[in-house]
């Protein structure tokens, strides 16, 4: 089975909300919500991929020191196995725009499960909730 490395980013605003993006109608898993990111190209480091993808998908500029690894998902789809590191980013330049997605939404961590996501994205939710909603 082919292994595919995709990197994702949880952009977190000053209010502790997370940005999710709705997949385009013309792509697989259309209409589902996901964390922005994309496939790591040959010769690219995951951080370089995120910087490139966030610029292409959202029109924002991210510097590598602002990307912090948080967790990862490992998921077997029917025809490939996806390995997806999740980074957290709290600082960027520009205002996120839906350049390649149908829509963007800023969501409270405890509401992330209210949005249908690809199966590989779902395991990334609990670490985000733990990070942003510390146990009292």
C-alpha atoms as a PDB file:
ATOM      1  CA  UNK A   1       0.000   0.000   0.000  1.00  0.00           C
ATOM      2  CA  UNK A   2       1.320   3.426  -0.940  1.00  0.00           C
ATOM      3  CA  UNK A   3       2.255   5.768   1.934  1.00  0.00           C
ATOM      4  CA  UNK A   4       1.211   9.392   1.400  1.00  0.00           C
ATOM      5  CA  UNK A   5       2.648  12.157   3.578  1.00  0.00           C
ATOM      6  CA  UNK A   6       0.309  15.113   3.992  1.00  0.00           C
ATOM      7  CA  UNK A   7       0.900  17.939   6.458  1.00  0.00           C
ATOM      8  CA  UNK A   8      -1.852  19.957   8.150  1.00  0.00           C
ATOM      9  CA  UNK A   9      -1.989  23.124  10.204  1.00  0.00           C
ATOM     10  CA  UNK A  10      -4.300  24.326  12.939  1.00  0.00           C
ATOM     11  CA  UNK A  11      -4.275  28.103  12.688  1.00  0.00           C
ATOM     12  CA  UNK A  12      -5.340  29.484  16.073  1.00  0.00           C
ATOM     13  CA  UNK A  13      -6.596  33.046  16.455  1.00  0.00           C
ATOM     14  CA  UNK A  14      -6.308  35.312  19.498  1.00  0.00           C
ATOM     15  CA  UNK A  15      -9.688  34.044  20.775  1.00  0.00           C
ATOM     16  CA  UNK A  16      -8.493  30.422  20.762  1.00  0.00           C
ATOM     17  CA  UNK A  17     -10.550  29.461  17.689  1.00  0.00           C
ATOM     18  CA  UNK A  18      -9.253  27.063  15.040  1.00  0.00           C
ATOM     19  CA  UNK A  19      -9.545  27.634  11.289  1.00  0.00           C
ATOM     20  CA  UNK A  20     -11.111  24.828   9.270  1.00  0.00           C
ATOM     21  CA  UNK A  21     -11.635  24.766   5.515  1.00  0.00           C
ATOM     22  CA  UNK A  22     -14.367  23.112   3.452  1.00  0.00           C
ATOM     23  CA  UNK A  23     -13.054  20.854   0.685  1.00  0.00           C
ATOM     24  CA  UNK A  24     -13.940  21.911  -2.869  1.00  0.00           C
ATOM     25  CA  UNK A  25     -16.780  20.189  -4.739  1.00  0.00           C
ATOM     26  CA  UNK A  26     -14.411  18.976  -7.493  1.00  0.00           C
ATOM     27  CA  UNK A  27     -12.090  17.022  -5.128  1.00  0.00           C
ATOM     28  CA  UNK A  28     -12.380  13.769  -3.234  1.00  0.00           C
ATOM     29  CA  UNK A  29     -14.291  14.002   0.052  1.00  0.00           C
ATOM     30  CA  UNK A  30     -15.993  17.153  -1.262  1.00  0.00           C
ATOM     31  CA  UNK A  31     -17.830  19.336   1.250  1.00  0.00           C
ATOM     32  CA  UNK A  32     -16.022  17.842   4.271  1.00  0.00           C
ATOM     33  CA  UNK A  33     -14.136  20.181   6.602  1.00  0.00           C
ATOM     34  CA  UNK A  34     -10.385  19.845   7.108  1.00  0.00           C
ATOM     35  CA  UNK A  35      -7.325  21.503   8.540  1.00  0.00           C
ATOM     36  CA  UNK A  36      -5.498  23.414   5.776  1.00  0.00           C
ATOM     37  CA  UNK A  37      -2.347  21.866   4.350  1.00  0.00           C
ATOM     38  CA  UNK A  38      -1.312  19.510   1.602  1.00  0.00           C
ATOM     39  CA  UNK A  39       0.877  16.798   0.183  1.00  0.00           C
ATOM     40  CA  UNK A  40       4.615  16.926   0.886  1.00  0.00           C
ATOM     41  CA  UNK A  41       6.416  17.083  -2.464  1.00  0.00           C
ATOM     42  CA  UNK A  42       9.690  15.272  -3.224  1.00  0.00           C
ATOM     43  CA  UNK A  43      12.636  17.061  -1.601  1.00  0.00           C
ATOM     44  CA  UNK A  44      10.372  19.189   0.606  1.00  0.00           C
ATOM     45  CA  UNK A  45      10.365  19.282   4.399  1.00  0.00           C
ATOM     46  CA  UNK A  46       6.928  19.286   6.091  1.00  0.00           C
ATOM     47  CA  UNK A  47       7.419  22.860   7.304  1.00  0.00           C
ATOM     48  CA  UNK A  48       8.258  24.032   3.770  1.00  0.00           C
ATOM     49  CA  UNK A  49       5.119  22.294   2.514  1.00  0.00           C
ATOM     50  CA  UNK A  50       2.947  24.084   5.069  1.00  0.00           C
ATOM     51  CA  UNK A  51       4.442  27.486   4.271  1.00  0.00           C
ATOM     52  CA  UNK A  52       3.785  26.870   0.540  1.00  0.00           C
ATOM     53  CA  UNK A  53       0.305  25.385   1.002  1.00  0.00           C
ATOM     54  CA  UNK A  54      -0.902  28.084   3.427  1.00  0.00           C
ATOM     55  CA  UNK A  55       0.162  30.721   0.886  1.00  0.00           C
ATOM     56  CA  UNK A  56      -1.569  28.885  -1.999  1.00  0.00           C
ATOM     57  CA  UNK A  57      -4.757  27.909  -0.129  1.00  0.00           C
ATOM     58  CA  UNK A  58      -5.265  30.856   2.222  1.00  0.00           C
ATOM     59  CA  UNK A  59      -3.069  33.684   0.906  1.00  0.00           C
ATOM     60  CA  UNK A  60      -1.173  34.048   4.197  1.00  0.00           C
ATOM     61  CA  UNK A  61       2.544  34.139   4.936  1.00  0.00           C
ATOM     62  CA  UNK A  62       3.860  31.909   7.703  1.00  0.00           C
ATOM     63  CA  UNK A  63       7.423  31.816   9.002  1.00  0.00           C
ATOM     64  CA  UNK A  64       8.885  28.448   9.964  1.00  0.00           C
ATOM     65  CA  UNK A  65       9.576  29.344  13.640  1.00  0.00           C
ATOM     66  CA  UNK A  66       5.820  29.969  14.041  1.00  0.00           C
ATOM     67  CA  UNK A  67       5.001  26.321  13.205  1.00  0.00           C
ATOM     68  CA  UNK A  68       4.937  23.983  16.210  1.00  0.00           C
ATOM     69  CA  UNK A  69       4.306  20.236  15.798  1.00  0.00           C
ATOM     70  CA  UNK A  70       1.407  19.011  17.941  1.00  0.00           C
ATOM     71  CA  UNK A  71       0.279  15.544  16.869  1.00  0.00           C
ATOM     72  CA  UNK A  72      -0.178  13.287  13.852  1.00  0.00           C
ATOM     73  CA  UNK A  73      -2.722  10.964  12.289  1.00  0.00           C
ATOM     74  CA  UNK A  74      -2.025   7.601  10.666  1.00  0.00           C
ATOM     75  CA  UNK A  75      -4.976   6.337   8.647  1.00  0.00           C
ATOM     76  CA  UNK A  76      -5.485   3.539   6.118  1.00  0.00           C
ATOM     77  CA  UNK A  77      -7.783   4.528   3.275  1.00  0.00           C
ATOM     78  CA  UNK A  78      -8.786   1.857   0.737  1.00  0.00           C
ATOM     79  CA  UNK A  79      -5.998   2.597  -1.751  1.00  0.00           C
ATOM     80  CA  UNK A  80      -3.290   4.357   0.310  1.00  0.00           C
ATOM     81  CA  UNK A  81      -2.074   4.957   3.859  1.00  0.00           C
ATOM     82  CA  UNK A  82      -2.044   8.570   5.011  1.00  0.00           C
ATOM     83  CA  UNK A  83       0.463   9.907   7.517  1.00  0.00           C
ATOM     84  CA  UNK A  84      -0.440  13.453   8.540  1.00  0.00           C
ATOM     85  CA  UNK A  85       1.546  15.558  11.026  1.00  0.00           C
ATOM     86  CA  UNK A  86      -0.450  18.421  12.537  1.00  0.00           C
ATOM     87  CA  UNK A  87       1.270  21.713  13.298  1.00  0.00           C
ATOM     88  CA  UNK A  88      -0.110  24.618  15.298  1.00  0.00           C
ATOM     89  CA  UNK A  89       0.387  28.210  14.183  1.00  0.00           C
ATOM     90  CA  UNK A  90      -0.646  31.313  16.124  1.00  0.00           C
ATOM     91  CA  UNK A  91       1.182  33.974  14.051  1.00  0.00           C
ATOM     92  CA  UNK A  92       0.978  34.751  10.349  1.00  0.00           C
ATOM     93  CA  UNK A  93       0.865  37.721   8.007  1.00  0.00           C
ATOM     94  CA  UNK A  94      -2.286  38.446   6.027  1.00  0.00           C
ATOM     95  CA  UNK A  95      -5.936  37.523   6.381  1.00  0.00           C
ATOM     96  CA  UNK A  96      -6.944  33.920   5.538  1.00  0.00           C
ATOM     97  CA  UNK A  97      -9.090  33.682   2.405  1.00  0.00           C
ATOM     98  CA  UNK A  98     -10.742  30.647   0.775  1.00  0.00           C
ATOM     99  CA  UNK A  99      -8.578  30.601  -2.369  1.00  0.00           C
ATOM    100  CA  UNK A 100      -8.907  26.828  -2.971  1.00  0.00           C
ATOM    101  CA  UNK A 101     -11.733  25.872  -0.576  1.00  0.00           C
ATOM    102  CA  UNK A 102     -15.490  26.485  -0.658  1.00  0.00           C
ATOM    103  CA  UNK A 103     -15.488  28.192   2.725  1.00  0.00           C
ATOM    104  CA  UNK A 104     -13.460  28.874   5.871  1.00  0.00           C
ATOM    105  CA  UNK A 105     -14.719  28.892   9.455  1.00  0.00           C
ATOM    106  CA  UNK A 106     -13.206  29.873  12.787  1.00  0.00           C
ATOM    107  CA  UNK A 107     -14.429  27.263  15.254  1.00  0.00           C
ATOM    108  CA  UNK A 108     -14.133  26.817  19.016  1.00  0.00           C
ATOM    109  CA  UNK A 109     -12.139  23.650  19.825  1.00  0.00           C
ATOM    110  CA  UNK A 110     -15.074  21.955  21.546  1.00  0.00           C
ATOM    111  CA  UNK A 111     -17.196  22.506  18.392  1.00  0.00           C
ATOM    112  CA  UNK A 112     -14.770  20.900  15.913  1.00  0.00           C
ATOM    113  CA  UNK A 113     -16.660  17.578  16.082  1.00  0.00           C
ATOM    114  CA  UNK A 114     -19.795  19.376  14.838  1.00  0.00           C
ATOM    115  CA  UNK A 115     -18.260  19.597  11.347  1.00  0.00           C
ATOM    116  CA  UNK A 116     -17.987  16.461   9.178  1.00  0.00           C
ATOM    117  CA  UNK A 117     -14.299  15.780   8.461  1.00  0.00           C
ATOM    118  CA  UNK A 118     -12.325  13.167   6.536  1.00  0.00           C
ATOM    119  CA  UNK A 119     -11.602  10.162   8.788  1.00  0.00           C
ATOM    120  CA  UNK A 120      -7.879  11.018   8.946  1.00  0.00           C
ATOM    121  CA  UNK A 121      -8.591  14.498  10.368  1.00  0.00           C
ATOM    122  CA  UNK A 122     -10.803  13.300  13.231  1.00  0.00           C
ATOM    123  CA  UNK A 123      -7.984  11.925  15.465  1.00  0.00           C
ATOM    124  CA  UNK A 124      -6.351  15.375  15.359  1.00  0.00           C
ATOM    125  CA  UNK A 125      -9.245  16.975  17.253  1.00  0.00           C
ATOM    126  CA  UNK A 126      -8.556  15.621  20.806  1.00  0.00           C
ATOM    127  CA  UNK A 127      -4.962  16.964  20.976  1.00  0.00           C
ATOM    128  CA  UNK A 128      -6.237  20.387  19.870  1.00  0.00           C
ATOM    129  CA  UNK A 129      -8.952  20.352  22.521  1.00  0.00           C
ATOM    130  CA  UNK A 130      -6.368  19.346  25.152  1.00  0.00           C
ATOM    131  CA  UNK A 131      -4.070  22.170  24.038  1.00  0.00           C
ATOM    132  CA  UNK A 132      -6.716  24.890  23.896  1.00  0.00           C
ATOM    133  CA  UNK A 133      -9.102  23.838  26.653  1.00  0.00           C
ATOM    134  CA  UNK A 134      -6.873  22.851  29.568  1.00  0.00           C
ATOM    135  CA  UNK A 135      -8.468  20.629  32.148  1.00  0.00           C
ATOM    136  CA  UNK A 136      -9.724  22.601  35.103  1.00  0.00           C
END
